[in-house]
Amino acid sequence: MEFVELIQSTLYYLLITIAGIFVIVNPLTTAFVFMSLTTDMSEQQRNETALKSTKIATALFFVFALLGGVIFQLFGITLAAFRIAGGIILFGIAMSMLTSGEKEDKSDMKSKGEMTDDISVIPLAIPFISGPGSIATVMILTSEAPTIYHTGLVFIAVLITTVSCYYSMVYSKVIVRYLGESGKQIITKLFGLILAVIAVQFVINGIVNAMADHGIELTGV
């Protein structure tokens, strides 16, 4: 019975972790951006760019996940403060997803891609896959993981998300053709709603932790 409960709690934690990272990264948006930036590339160049950007983003996530605790100690940041700040950042991103216009200016995406010759680094790996919000999410999840085992689940969730980004880029032509702009907007707004709920929960957890750190007890809850 205990083994079954362990499996259930593990799967639940993994699903929650995947959801938290997946909705903020949003592989669908990455696919649309990738499609607009690689129109002049050959199929081989597109695949190489997708693979390189995925590797870079995954490495960044792993570095910040591993060094999250060190960063907290170095700058004297409490987990409660980071949870609240991360929640506010995520909520802002969620609102922009919920209130986004019908179309994103593709010429603007082009200009972002021309910031560097290698678009696999900027803007694909940074900030479209591993942006401030997603990095903050990974750091919070690893910092509040109850055991090393749960921390490992966060890394698995990161891999699942980044691999999803890779395949969304490789098959971006199919995704764009199948969903179209309307489908993209619907899914983006749905992800935005889920992200807003996660962001609010981060803030609530942060406030509760901050009150507990200062010896303030919640009553009537």
N, C-alpha and C. Protein backbone atom coordinates (compact mmCIF):
# COMPACT_ATOMS: atom_id res chain seq x y z
N MET A 1 0.83 -1.20 0.00
CA MET A 1 0.00 0.00 0.00
C MET A 1 0.87 1.25 0.00
N GLU A 2 1.93 1.22 0.82
CA GLU A 2 2.83 2.37 0.88
C GLU A 2 3.53 2.58 -0.47
N PHE A 3 3.85 1.46 -1.14
CA PHE A 3 4.51 1.54 -2.44
C PHE A 3 3.59 2.21 -3.47
N VAL A 4 2.32 1.85 -3.44
CA VAL A 4 1.34 2.44 -4.37
C VAL A 4 1.21 3.94 -4.10
N GLU A 5 1.15 4.30 -2.82
CA GLU A 5 1.05 5.72 -2.48
C GLU A 5 2.29 6.49 -2.91
N LEU A 6 3.45 5.85 -2.80
CA LEU A 6 4.70 6.48 -3.23
C LEU A 6 4.68 6.73 -4.73
N ILE A 7 4.23 5.73 -5.50
CA ILE A 7 4.15 5.87 -6.95
C ILE A 7 3.18 6.99 -7.32
N GLN A 8 2.04 7.03 -6.65
CA GLN A 8 1.03 8.05 -6.93
C GLN A 8 1.56 9.45 -6.62
N SER A 9 2.22 9.61 -5.48
CA SER A 9 2.74 10.93 -5.10
C SER A 9 3.87 11.36 -6.04
N THR A 10 4.66 10.38 -6.49
CA THR A 10 5.76 10.67 -7.41
C THR A 10 5.22 11.14 -8.76
N LEU A 11 4.24 10.43 -9.28
CA LEU A 11 3.63 10.81 -10.56
C LEU A 11 2.96 12.17 -10.46
N TYR A 12 2.30 12.42 -9.33
CA TYR A 12 1.63 13.71 -9.12
C TYR A 12 2.66 14.84 -9.12
N TYR A 13 3.76 14.64 -8.40
CA TYR A 13 4.80 15.67 -8.33
C TYR A 13 5.42 15.91 -9.70
N LEU A 14 5.64 14.82 -10.45
CA LEU A 14 6.23 14.94 -11.78
C LEU A 14 5.30 15.69 -12.72
N LEU A 15 4.01 15.38 -12.66
CA LEU A 15 3.04 16.04 -13.54
C LEU A 15 2.94 17.53 -13.21
N ILE A 16 2.92 17.87 -11.92
CA ILE A 16 2.85 19.26 -11.50
C ILE A 16 4.10 20.01 -11.96
N THR A 17 5.25 19.36 -11.82
CA THR A 17 6.52 19.97 -12.22
C THR A 17 6.57 20.20 -13.73
N ILE A 18 6.15 19.19 -14.49
CA ILE A 18 6.13 19.32 -15.95
C ILE A 18 5.20 20.46 -16.36
N ALA A 19 4.02 20.51 -15.73
CA ALA A 19 3.06 21.56 -16.07
C ALA A 19 3.64 22.95 -15.79
N GLY A 20 4.30 23.08 -14.63
CA GLY A 20 4.86 24.37 -14.25
C GLY A 20 5.91 24.87 -15.23
N ILE A 21 6.75 23.95 -15.73
CA ILE A 21 7.81 24.35 -16.67
C ILE A 21 7.27 24.44 -18.09
N PHE A 22 6.41 23.49 -18.46
CA PHE A 22 5.93 23.40 -19.84
C PHE A 22 5.14 24.63 -20.26
N VAL A 23 4.24 25.08 -19.39
CA VAL A 23 3.38 26.20 -19.79
C VAL A 23 4.13 27.51 -19.90
N ILE A 24 5.19 27.68 -19.13
CA ILE A 24 5.96 28.92 -19.21
C ILE A 24 6.89 28.90 -20.42
N VAL A 25 7.45 27.73 -20.74
CA VAL A 25 8.32 27.62 -21.92
C VAL A 25 7.47 27.69 -23.19
N ASN A 26 6.34 26.99 -23.20
CA ASN A 26 5.38 27.01 -24.31
C ASN A 26 6.05 26.64 -25.64
N PRO A 27 6.32 25.34 -25.87
CA PRO A 27 6.95 24.90 -27.11
C PRO A 27 6.22 25.34 -28.37
N LEU A 28 4.91 25.55 -28.27
CA LEU A 28 4.15 25.98 -29.43
C LEU A 28 4.61 27.34 -29.93
N THR A 29 4.81 28.28 -29.00
CA THR A 29 5.31 29.60 -29.38
C THR A 29 6.70 29.49 -29.99
N THR A 30 7.53 28.62 -29.42
CA THR A 30 8.87 28.41 -29.97
C THR A 30 8.79 27.92 -31.41
N ALA A 31 7.82 27.05 -31.69
CA ALA A 31 7.67 26.52 -33.05
C ALA A 31 7.34 27.63 -34.04
N PHE A 32 6.44 28.53 -33.66
CA PHE A 32 6.06 29.64 -34.55
C PHE A 32 7.23 30.59 -34.77
N VAL A 33 7.97 30.89 -33.69
CA VAL A 33 9.13 31.76 -33.80
C VAL A 33 10.19 31.12 -34.68
N PHE A 34 10.45 29.84 -34.44
CA PHE A 34 11.45 29.10 -35.21
C PHE A 34 11.09 29.10 -36.69
N MET A 35 9.82 28.89 -36.98
CA MET A 35 9.37 28.85 -38.37
C MET A 35 9.63 30.18 -39.07
N SER A 36 9.37 31.28 -38.37
CA SER A 36 9.53 32.60 -38.98
C SER A 36 10.99 32.98 -39.17
N LEU A 37 11.88 32.42 -38.35
CA LEU A 37 13.29 32.80 -38.40
C LEU A 37 14.12 31.91 -39.33
N THR A 38 13.56 30.78 -39.75
CA THR A 38 14.36 29.82 -40.52
C THR A 38 13.80 29.57 -41.91
N THR A 39 13.05 30.53 -42.43
CA THR A 39 12.43 30.34 -43.74
C THR A 39 13.45 30.19 -44.86
N ASP A 40 14.63 30.78 -44.69
CA ASP A 40 15.66 30.74 -45.74
C ASP A 40 16.68 29.63 -45.53
N MET A 41 16.46 28.79 -44.50
CA MET A 41 17.42 27.71 -44.20
C MET A 41 17.03 26.42 -44.89
N SER A 42 18.03 25.57 -45.12
CA SER A 42 17.77 24.22 -45.64
C SER A 42 17.26 23.35 -44.49
N GLU A 43 16.74 22.17 -44.82
CA GLU A 43 16.22 21.27 -43.79
C GLU A 43 17.31 20.86 -42.81
N GLN A 44 18.51 20.62 -43.30
CA GLN A 44 19.62 20.24 -42.43
C GLN A 44 20.00 21.38 -41.49
N GLN A 45 20.04 22.60 -42.00
CA GLN A 45 20.37 23.76 -41.17
C GLN A 45 19.31 23.98 -40.10
N ARG A 46 18.06 23.78 -40.46
CA ARG A 46 16.96 23.94 -39.49
C ARG A 46 17.10 22.93 -38.36
N ASN A 47 17.39 21.68 -38.71
CA ASN A 47 17.53 20.63 -37.70
C ASN A 47 18.73 20.89 -36.79
N GLU A 48 19.84 21.35 -37.38
CA GLU A 48 21.03 21.65 -36.59
C GLU A 48 20.78 22.82 -35.64
N THR A 49 20.07 23.84 -36.13
CA THR A 49 19.74 24.99 -35.29
C THR A 49 18.83 24.59 -34.14
N ALA A 50 17.83 23.75 -34.43
CA ALA A 50 16.91 23.29 -33.39
C ALA A 50 17.64 22.50 -32.32
N LEU A 51 18.55 21.62 -32.75
CA LEU A 51 19.30 20.79 -31.80
C LEU A 51 20.22 21.64 -30.93
N LYS A 52 20.91 22.59 -31.54
CA LYS A 52 21.85 23.42 -30.79
C LYS A 52 21.12 24.29 -29.77
N SER A 53 20.01 24.90 -30.17
CA SER A 53 19.27 25.75 -29.24
C SER A 53 18.70 24.94 -28.08
N THR A 54 18.29 23.71 -28.36
CA THR A 54 17.77 22.83 -27.30
C THR A 54 18.87 22.47 -26.31
N LYS A 55 20.05 22.14 -26.80
CA LYS A 55 21.17 21.80 -25.93
C LYS A 55 21.56 22.98 -25.04
N ILE A 56 21.62 24.17 -25.62
CA ILE A 56 22.01 25.37 -24.86
C ILE A 56 20.98 25.67 -23.77
N ALA A 57 19.70 25.63 -24.14
CA ALA A 57 18.64 25.92 -23.17
C ALA A 57 18.64 24.90 -22.04
N THR A 58 18.80 23.61 -22.37
CA THR A 58 18.83 22.56 -21.35
C THR A 58 20.00 22.76 -20.40
N ALA A 59 21.17 23.11 -20.96
CA ALA A 59 22.35 23.36 -20.12
C ALA A 59 22.11 24.52 -19.17
N LEU A 60 21.49 25.58 -19.66
CA LEU A 60 21.20 26.75 -18.81
C LEU A 60 20.26 26.37 -17.68
N PHE A 61 19.21 25.62 -17.99
CA PHE A 61 18.28 25.18 -16.95
C PHE A 61 19.00 24.37 -15.88
N PHE A 62 19.85 23.44 -16.31
CA PHE A 62 20.56 22.58 -15.36
C PHE A 62 21.51 23.39 -14.48
N VAL A 63 22.20 24.37 -15.07
CA VAL A 63 23.13 25.20 -14.31
C VAL A 63 22.40 25.98 -13.23
N PHE A 64 21.31 26.63 -13.60
CA PHE A 64 20.57 27.43 -12.62
C PHE A 64 19.87 26.54 -11.59
N ALA A 65 19.46 25.34 -12.00
CA ALA A 65 18.84 24.42 -11.05
C ALA A 65 19.85 23.96 -10.00
N LEU A 66 21.07 23.69 -10.44
CA LEU A 66 22.12 23.22 -9.53
C LEU A 66 22.66 24.33 -8.65
N LEU A 67 22.73 25.55 -9.20
CA LEU A 67 23.34 26.66 -8.46
C LEU A 67 22.33 27.55 -7.76
N GLY A 68 21.06 27.15 -7.80
CA GLY A 68 20.02 27.97 -7.19
C GLY A 68 20.30 28.27 -5.72
N GLY A 69 20.65 27.21 -4.96
CA GLY A 69 20.94 27.38 -3.54
C GLY A 69 22.14 28.27 -3.30
N VAL A 70 23.18 28.13 -4.14
CA VAL A 70 24.39 28.95 -4.01
C VAL A 70 24.07 30.42 -4.26
N ILE A 71 23.24 30.68 -5.28
CA ILE A 71 22.85 32.06 -5.61
C ILE A 71 22.08 32.67 -4.44
N PHE A 72 21.19 31.89 -3.83
CA PHE A 72 20.43 32.38 -2.68
C PHE A 72 21.37 32.81 -1.56
N GLN A 73 22.35 31.96 -1.25
CA GLN A 73 23.27 32.25 -0.16
C GLN A 73 24.18 33.43 -0.50
N LEU A 74 24.64 33.48 -1.74
CA LEU A 74 25.56 34.54 -2.16
C LEU A 74 24.95 35.91 -2.04
N PHE A 75 23.70 36.05 -2.42
CA PHE A 75 23.04 37.36 -2.39
C PHE A 75 22.12 37.53 -1.19
N GLY A 76 22.11 36.55 -0.30
CA GLY A 76 21.28 36.66 0.90
C GLY A 76 19.79 36.64 0.60
N ILE A 77 19.40 35.88 -0.41
CA ILE A 77 17.99 35.81 -0.83
C ILE A 77 17.32 34.64 -0.12
N THR A 78 16.15 34.89 0.44
CA THR A 78 15.38 33.82 1.06
C THR A 78 14.51 33.15 0.00
N LEU A 79 14.16 31.90 0.27
CA LEU A 79 13.30 31.17 -0.67
C LEU A 79 11.94 31.85 -0.76
N ALA A 80 11.45 32.38 0.37
CA ALA A 80 10.16 33.05 0.36
C ALA A 80 10.17 34.26 -0.58
N ALA A 81 11.24 35.05 -0.51
CA ALA A 81 11.35 36.24 -1.37
C ALA A 81 11.42 35.83 -2.84
N PHE A 82 12.17 34.77 -3.12
CA PHE A 82 12.31 34.33 -4.51
C PHE A 82 11.00 33.77 -5.05
N ARG A 83 10.26 33.08 -4.19
CA ARG A 83 8.96 32.56 -4.61
C ARG A 83 8.01 33.69 -4.97
N ILE A 84 7.99 34.74 -4.12
CA ILE A 84 7.10 35.87 -4.38
C ILE A 84 7.52 36.60 -5.66
N ALA A 85 8.83 36.87 -5.79
CA ALA A 85 9.32 37.56 -6.98
C ALA A 85 9.07 36.72 -8.24
N GLY A 86 9.36 35.43 -8.14
CA GLY A 86 9.13 34.55 -9.28
C GLY A 86 7.66 34.49 -9.65
N GLY A 87 6.79 34.45 -8.64
CA GLY A 87 5.35 34.43 -8.90
C GLY A 87 4.88 35.69 -9.60
N ILE A 88 5.42 36.85 -9.19
CA ILE A 88 5.05 38.12 -9.82
C ILE A 88 5.50 38.15 -11.28
N ILE A 89 6.74 37.66 -11.53
CA ILE A 89 7.25 37.61 -12.91
C ILE A 89 6.38 36.71 -13.77
N LEU A 90 6.06 35.53 -13.24
CA LEU A 90 5.25 34.57 -13.99
C LEU A 90 3.85 35.12 -14.24
N PHE A 91 3.29 35.84 -13.26
CA PHE A 91 1.96 36.40 -13.43
C PHE A 91 1.95 37.45 -14.54
N GLY A 92 3.02 38.26 -14.60
CA GLY A 92 3.13 39.25 -15.66
C GLY A 92 3.19 38.58 -17.03
N ILE A 93 3.95 37.50 -17.12
CA ILE A 93 4.04 36.77 -18.39
C ILE A 93 2.68 36.15 -18.74
N ALA A 94 2.01 35.61 -17.71
CA ALA A 94 0.69 35.00 -17.94
C ALA A 94 -0.31 36.03 -18.47
N MET A 95 -0.27 37.25 -17.92
CA MET A 95 -1.17 38.30 -18.37
C MET A 95 -0.88 38.70 -19.82
N SER A 96 0.40 38.73 -20.17
CA SER A 96 0.75 39.07 -21.55
C SER A 96 0.28 37.96 -22.50
N MET A 97 0.29 36.71 -22.04
CA MET A 97 -0.20 35.61 -22.86
C MET A 97 -1.71 35.68 -23.01
N LEU A 98 -2.40 36.08 -21.94
CA LEU A 98 -3.86 36.15 -21.98
C LEU A 98 -4.37 37.35 -22.78
N THR A 99 -3.57 38.41 -22.82
CA THR A 99 -4.02 39.63 -23.51
C THR A 99 -3.27 39.88 -24.81
N SER A 100 -2.57 38.85 -25.30
CA SER A 100 -1.78 39.03 -26.53
C SER A 100 -2.69 39.29 -27.70
N GLY A 101 -2.13 40.01 -28.70
CA GLY A 101 -2.89 40.33 -29.90
C GLY A 101 -3.07 39.11 -30.77
N GLU A 102 -3.82 39.28 -31.81
CA GLU A 102 -4.12 38.16 -32.69
C GLU A 102 -2.89 37.68 -33.45
N LYS A 103 -1.96 38.62 -33.71
CA LYS A 103 -0.77 38.23 -34.46
C LYS A 103 0.44 38.93 -33.91
N GLU A 104 1.53 38.19 -33.88
CA GLU A 104 2.80 38.79 -33.49
C GLU A 104 3.51 39.20 -34.75
N ASP A 105 4.07 40.39 -34.74
CA ASP A 105 4.74 40.92 -35.91
C ASP A 105 5.96 40.08 -36.26
N LYS A 106 5.89 39.40 -37.40
CA LYS A 106 6.98 38.52 -37.79
C LYS A 106 8.23 39.30 -38.13
N SER A 107 8.05 40.53 -38.58
CA SER A 107 9.23 41.35 -38.86
C SER A 107 9.98 41.65 -37.58
N ASP A 108 9.22 41.74 -36.46
CA ASP A 108 9.86 41.97 -35.17
C ASP A 108 10.65 40.75 -34.75
N MET A 109 10.12 39.54 -35.04
CA MET A 109 10.85 38.31 -34.74
C MET A 109 12.12 38.26 -35.56
N LYS A 110 12.03 38.71 -36.80
CA LYS A 110 13.20 38.72 -37.66
C LYS A 110 14.29 39.61 -37.09
N SER A 111 13.85 40.78 -36.60
CA SER A 111 14.84 41.71 -36.05
C SER A 111 15.49 41.14 -34.81
N LYS A 112 14.72 40.36 -34.02
CA LYS A 112 15.30 39.71 -32.85
C LYS A 112 16.32 38.67 -33.28
N GLY A 113 16.01 37.96 -34.35
CA GLY A 113 16.92 36.94 -34.82
C GLY A 113 18.19 37.52 -35.40
N GLU A 114 18.14 38.77 -35.88
CA GLU A 114 19.30 39.38 -36.48
C GLU A 114 20.22 40.04 -35.46
N MET A 115 19.90 39.89 -34.17
CA MET A 115 20.78 40.41 -33.13
C MET A 115 22.10 39.67 -33.14
N THR A 116 22.09 38.45 -33.62
CA THR A 116 23.30 37.64 -33.71
C THR A 116 23.21 36.76 -34.93
N ASP A 117 24.37 36.36 -35.47
CA ASP A 117 24.36 35.50 -36.64
C ASP A 117 23.81 34.12 -36.31
N ASP A 118 23.98 33.68 -35.08
CA ASP A 118 23.55 32.36 -34.65
C ASP A 118 22.24 32.48 -33.90
N ILE A 119 21.12 32.24 -34.57
CA ILE A 119 19.82 32.39 -33.92
C ILE A 119 19.53 31.26 -32.94
N SER A 120 20.35 30.20 -32.96
CA SER A 120 20.14 29.12 -32.01
C SER A 120 20.40 29.57 -30.58
N VAL A 121 21.26 30.59 -30.43
CA VAL A 121 21.56 31.13 -29.09
C VAL A 121 20.54 32.21 -28.74
N ILE A 122 20.51 33.26 -29.54
CA ILE A 122 19.56 34.36 -29.37
C ILE A 122 18.83 34.55 -30.69
N PRO A 123 17.51 34.46 -30.74
CA PRO A 123 16.59 34.46 -29.60
C PRO A 123 16.01 33.10 -29.22
N LEU A 124 16.44 32.00 -29.86
CA LEU A 124 15.77 30.72 -29.60
C LEU A 124 16.06 30.16 -28.21
N ALA A 125 17.35 29.88 -27.92
CA ALA A 125 17.69 29.34 -26.59
C ALA A 125 17.38 30.36 -25.51
N ILE A 126 17.77 31.63 -25.78
CA ILE A 126 17.53 32.74 -24.87
C ILE A 126 16.89 33.87 -25.69
N PRO A 127 15.68 34.31 -25.40
CA PRO A 127 14.87 33.98 -24.22
C PRO A 127 13.67 33.09 -24.49
N PHE A 128 13.48 32.61 -25.74
CA PHE A 128 12.23 31.93 -26.04
C PHE A 128 12.09 30.58 -25.34
N ILE A 129 13.19 29.83 -25.16
CA ILE A 129 13.10 28.56 -24.44
C ILE A 129 13.44 28.76 -22.96
N SER A 130 14.62 29.30 -22.70
CA SER A 130 15.05 29.52 -21.31
C SER A 130 15.07 31.01 -21.00
N GLY A 131 13.90 31.55 -20.75
CA GLY A 131 13.78 32.96 -20.39
C GLY A 131 13.79 33.15 -18.89
N PRO A 132 13.70 34.40 -18.42
CA PRO A 132 13.72 34.68 -16.98
C PRO A 132 12.64 33.93 -16.20
N GLY A 133 11.42 33.89 -16.76
CA GLY A 133 10.33 33.22 -16.05
C GLY A 133 10.54 31.73 -15.91
N SER A 134 10.99 31.07 -16.98
CA SER A 134 11.20 29.63 -16.93
C SER A 134 12.39 29.27 -16.04
N ILE A 135 13.44 30.09 -16.08
CA ILE A 135 14.60 29.86 -15.22
C ILE A 135 14.21 30.03 -13.75
N ALA A 136 13.42 31.06 -13.46
CA ALA A 136 12.95 31.27 -12.09
C ALA A 136 12.09 30.10 -11.62
N THR A 137 11.26 29.58 -12.52
CA THR A 137 10.41 28.43 -12.18
C THR A 137 11.25 27.22 -11.81
N VAL A 138 12.27 26.93 -12.62
CA VAL A 138 13.14 25.78 -12.36
C VAL A 138 13.88 25.95 -11.04
N MET A 139 14.38 27.16 -10.78
CA MET A 139 15.10 27.41 -9.53
C MET A 139 14.20 27.23 -8.32
N ILE A 140 12.96 27.72 -8.42
CA ILE A 140 12.02 27.57 -7.31
C ILE A 140 11.70 26.10 -7.07
N LEU A 141 11.43 25.38 -8.14
CA LEU A 141 11.06 23.96 -8.01
C LEU A 141 12.18 23.14 -7.41
N THR A 142 13.42 23.38 -7.82
CA THR A 142 14.54 22.62 -7.26
C THR A 142 14.81 23.04 -5.82
N SER A 143 14.61 24.31 -5.50
CA SER A 143 14.87 24.80 -4.14
C SER A 143 13.87 24.25 -3.13
N GLU A 144 12.63 24.05 -3.59
CA GLU A 144 11.61 23.58 -2.65
C GLU A 144 11.36 22.07 -2.75
N ALA A 145 12.14 21.37 -3.58
CA ALA A 145 12.00 19.91 -3.68
C ALA A 145 12.34 19.28 -2.32
N PRO A 146 11.45 18.43 -1.79
CA PRO A 146 11.66 17.87 -0.44
C PRO A 146 12.83 16.90 -0.34
N THR A 147 13.15 16.21 -1.43
CA THR A 147 14.25 15.25 -1.40
C THR A 147 15.07 15.36 -2.69
N ILE A 148 16.24 14.73 -2.69
CA ILE A 148 17.07 14.68 -3.90
C ILE A 148 16.32 13.96 -5.01
N TYR A 149 15.54 12.98 -4.63
CA TYR A 149 14.75 12.23 -5.60
C TYR A 149 13.79 13.16 -6.34
N HIS A 150 13.13 14.06 -5.58
CA HIS A 150 12.21 15.01 -6.19
C HIS A 150 12.96 16.02 -7.06
N THR A 151 14.17 16.36 -6.65
CA THR A 151 15.00 17.25 -7.47
C THR A 151 15.29 16.60 -8.82
N GLY A 152 15.54 15.29 -8.79
CA GLY A 152 15.75 14.56 -10.03
C GLY A 152 14.54 14.62 -10.95
N LEU A 153 13.35 14.63 -10.35
CA LEU A 153 12.12 14.73 -11.14
C LEU A 153 12.03 16.08 -11.85
N VAL A 154 12.55 17.12 -11.20
CA VAL A 154 12.57 18.45 -11.83
C VAL A 154 13.45 18.41 -13.08
N PHE A 155 14.60 17.76 -12.98
CA PHE A 155 15.50 17.64 -14.14
C PHE A 155 14.84 16.84 -15.26
N ILE A 156 14.09 15.81 -14.88
CA ILE A 156 13.36 15.02 -15.89
C ILE A 156 12.31 15.90 -16.58
N ALA A 157 11.62 16.72 -15.79
CA ALA A 157 10.61 17.63 -16.34
C ALA A 157 11.24 18.63 -17.30
N VAL A 158 12.44 19.12 -16.96
CA VAL A 158 13.16 20.04 -17.84
C VAL A 158 13.48 19.35 -19.16
N LEU A 159 13.98 18.12 -19.09
CA LEU A 159 14.33 17.37 -20.29
C LEU A 159 13.10 17.13 -21.17
N ILE A 160 11.99 16.76 -20.55
CA ILE A 160 10.75 16.52 -21.30
C ILE A 160 10.32 17.80 -22.02
N THR A 161 10.43 18.93 -21.34
CA THR A 161 10.01 20.20 -21.92
C THR A 161 10.93 20.62 -23.06
N THR A 162 12.25 20.53 -22.84
CA THR A 162 13.18 20.97 -23.88
C THR A 162 13.15 20.04 -25.09
N VAL A 163 12.98 18.75 -24.85
CA VAL A 163 12.84 17.81 -25.97
C VAL A 163 11.57 18.12 -26.76
N SER A 164 10.50 18.50 -26.05
CA SER A 164 9.27 18.91 -26.72
C SER A 164 9.51 20.13 -27.59
N CYS A 165 10.33 21.06 -27.08
CA CYS A 165 10.68 22.25 -27.86
C CYS A 165 11.44 21.85 -29.13
N TYR A 166 12.35 20.90 -28.98
CA TYR A 166 13.13 20.44 -30.14
C TYR A 166 12.22 19.90 -31.24
N TYR A 167 11.31 19.01 -30.86
CA TYR A 167 10.43 18.41 -31.86
C TYR A 167 9.42 19.42 -32.40
N SER A 168 9.02 20.39 -31.57
CA SER A 168 8.11 21.42 -32.07
C SER A 168 8.81 22.28 -33.12
N MET A 169 10.11 22.48 -32.97
CA MET A 169 10.87 23.24 -33.97
C MET A 169 11.09 22.42 -35.24
N VAL A 170 11.47 21.15 -35.06
CA VAL A 170 11.72 20.28 -36.21
C VAL A 170 10.46 20.13 -37.06
N TYR A 171 9.32 20.00 -36.39
CA TYR A 171 8.06 19.81 -37.11
C TYR A 171 7.21 21.10 -37.10
N SER A 172 7.87 22.23 -37.03
CA SER A 172 7.16 23.51 -36.95
C SER A 172 6.29 23.77 -38.18
N LYS A 173 6.75 23.33 -39.36
CA LYS A 173 5.96 23.53 -40.58
C LYS A 173 4.61 22.84 -40.47
N VAL A 174 4.62 21.62 -39.93
CA VAL A 174 3.38 20.86 -39.77
C VAL A 174 2.48 21.51 -38.73
N ILE A 175 3.08 21.94 -37.61
CA ILE A 175 2.31 22.56 -36.52
C ILE A 175 1.66 23.85 -36.99
N VAL A 176 2.44 24.70 -37.67
CA VAL A 176 1.92 25.98 -38.14
C VAL A 176 0.80 25.75 -39.16
N ARG A 177 0.99 24.78 -40.05
CA ARG A 177 -0.02 24.50 -41.08
C ARG A 177 -1.30 23.94 -40.46
N TYR A 178 -1.14 23.09 -39.45
CA TYR A 178 -2.30 22.42 -38.85
C TYR A 178 -3.09 23.34 -37.92
N LEU A 179 -2.38 24.06 -37.04
CA LEU A 179 -3.06 24.89 -36.05
C LEU A 179 -3.47 26.25 -36.60
N GLY A 180 -2.56 26.86 -37.35
CA GLY A 180 -2.83 28.20 -37.83
C GLY A 180 -2.73 29.21 -36.69
N GLU A 181 -2.95 30.46 -37.02
CA GLU A 181 -2.83 31.52 -36.02
C GLU A 181 -3.90 31.42 -34.93
N SER A 182 -5.11 31.04 -35.32
CA SER A 182 -6.21 30.94 -34.34
C SER A 182 -5.92 29.85 -33.31
N GLY A 183 -5.44 28.70 -33.78
CA GLY A 183 -5.11 27.62 -32.86
C GLY A 183 -4.01 28.00 -31.92
N LYS A 184 -3.02 28.73 -32.44
CA LYS A 184 -1.92 29.19 -31.59
C LYS A 184 -2.44 30.11 -30.49
N GLN A 185 -3.34 31.03 -30.85
CA GLN A 185 -3.87 31.98 -29.87
C GLN A 185 -4.67 31.28 -28.78
N ILE A 186 -5.46 30.28 -29.18
CA ILE A 186 -6.29 29.56 -28.20
C ILE A 186 -5.40 28.83 -27.19
N ILE A 187 -4.39 28.10 -27.68
CA ILE A 187 -3.52 27.34 -26.79
C ILE A 187 -2.67 28.27 -25.93
N THR A 188 -2.21 29.38 -26.51
CA THR A 188 -1.41 30.33 -25.75
C THR A 188 -2.21 30.92 -24.59
N LYS A 189 -3.48 31.24 -24.84
CA LYS A 189 -4.33 31.80 -23.77
C LYS A 189 -4.64 30.75 -22.71
N LEU A 190 -4.81 29.51 -23.14
CA LEU A 190 -5.03 28.43 -22.18
C LEU A 190 -3.81 28.24 -21.29
N PHE A 191 -2.61 28.23 -21.91
CA PHE A 191 -1.38 28.14 -21.14
C PHE A 191 -1.23 29.34 -20.21
N GLY A 192 -1.65 30.51 -20.68
CA GLY A 192 -1.56 31.72 -19.86
C GLY A 192 -2.41 31.61 -18.61
N LEU A 193 -3.61 31.04 -18.74
CA LEU A 193 -4.50 30.87 -17.59
C LEU A 193 -3.89 29.91 -16.58
N ILE A 194 -3.35 28.78 -17.06
CA ILE A 194 -2.71 27.82 -16.17
C ILE A 194 -1.52 28.46 -15.46
N LEU A 195 -0.73 29.21 -16.22
CA LEU A 195 0.45 29.86 -15.65
C LEU A 195 0.07 30.89 -14.60
N ALA A 196 -1.03 31.61 -14.81
CA ALA A 196 -1.48 32.60 -13.83
C ALA A 196 -1.81 31.93 -12.49
N VAL A 197 -2.46 30.77 -12.56
CA VAL A 197 -2.80 30.03 -11.33
C VAL A 197 -1.53 29.57 -10.61
N ILE A 198 -0.56 29.05 -11.38
CA ILE A 198 0.71 28.61 -10.79
C ILE A 198 1.43 29.79 -10.15
N ALA A 199 1.41 30.95 -10.83
CA ALA A 199 2.08 32.14 -10.31
C ALA A 199 1.47 32.59 -8.99
N VAL A 200 0.15 32.60 -8.92
CA VAL A 200 -0.54 32.99 -7.68
C VAL A 200 -0.18 32.04 -6.55
N GLN A 201 -0.09 30.74 -6.86
CA GLN A 201 0.27 29.76 -5.83
C GLN A 201 1.69 29.98 -5.34
N PHE A 202 2.60 30.35 -6.25
CA PHE A 202 3.97 30.68 -5.84
C PHE A 202 3.97 31.84 -4.84
N VAL A 203 3.19 32.87 -5.14
CA VAL A 203 3.14 34.05 -4.26
C VAL A 203 2.55 33.68 -2.91
N ILE A 204 1.47 32.90 -2.92
CA ILE A 204 0.84 32.47 -1.66
C ILE A 204 1.83 31.68 -0.81
N ASN A 205 2.53 30.73 -1.44
CA ASN A 205 3.53 29.94 -0.71
C ASN A 205 4.64 30.82 -0.15
N GLY A 206 5.05 31.81 -0.93
CA GLY A 206 6.10 32.73 -0.49
C GLY A 206 5.67 33.55 0.71
N ILE A 207 4.44 34.04 0.68
CA ILE A 207 3.93 34.85 1.79
C ILE A 207 3.81 34.01 3.06
N VAL A 208 3.31 32.79 2.91
CA VAL A 208 3.18 31.88 4.06
C VAL A 208 4.56 31.59 4.65
N ASN A 209 5.55 31.33 3.80
CA ASN A 209 6.91 31.06 4.26
C ASN A 209 7.52 32.27 4.95
N ALA A 210 7.29 33.46 4.38
CA ALA A 210 7.83 34.69 4.97
C ALA A 210 7.23 34.95 6.34
N MET A 211 5.93 34.72 6.47
CA MET A 211 5.28 34.91 7.78
C MET A 211 5.81 33.90 8.79
N ALA A 212 6.02 32.67 8.35
CA ALA A 212 6.56 31.64 9.25
C ALA A 212 7.98 31.97 9.67
N ASP A 213 8.77 32.52 8.75
CA ASP A 213 10.15 32.90 9.07
C ASP A 213 10.21 34.01 10.12
N HIS A 214 9.18 34.85 10.16
CA HIS A 214 9.14 35.96 11.12
C HIS A 214 8.28 35.63 12.35
N GLY A 215 7.92 34.35 12.47
CA GLY A 215 7.18 33.92 13.65
C GLY A 215 5.73 34.34 13.66
N ILE A 216 5.17 34.65 12.50
CA ILE A 216 3.77 35.04 12.42
C ILE A 216 2.94 33.82 12.06
N GLU A 217 2.00 33.50 12.90
CA GLU A 217 1.17 32.32 12.65
C GLU A 217 -0.15 32.71 12.00
N LEU A 218 -0.58 31.87 11.07
CA LEU A 218 -1.88 32.09 10.41
C LEU A 218 -2.97 31.48 11.30
N THR A 219 -3.99 32.25 11.55
CA THR A 219 -5.10 31.76 12.36
C THR A 219 -6.41 31.83 11.56
N GLY A 220 -7.30 30.95 11.90
CA GLY A 220 -8.59 30.94 11.24
C GLY A 220 -8.56 30.35 9.85
N VAL A 221 -7.48 29.56 9.54
CA VAL A 221 -7.36 28.95 8.23
C VAL A 221 -7.71 27.47 8.33
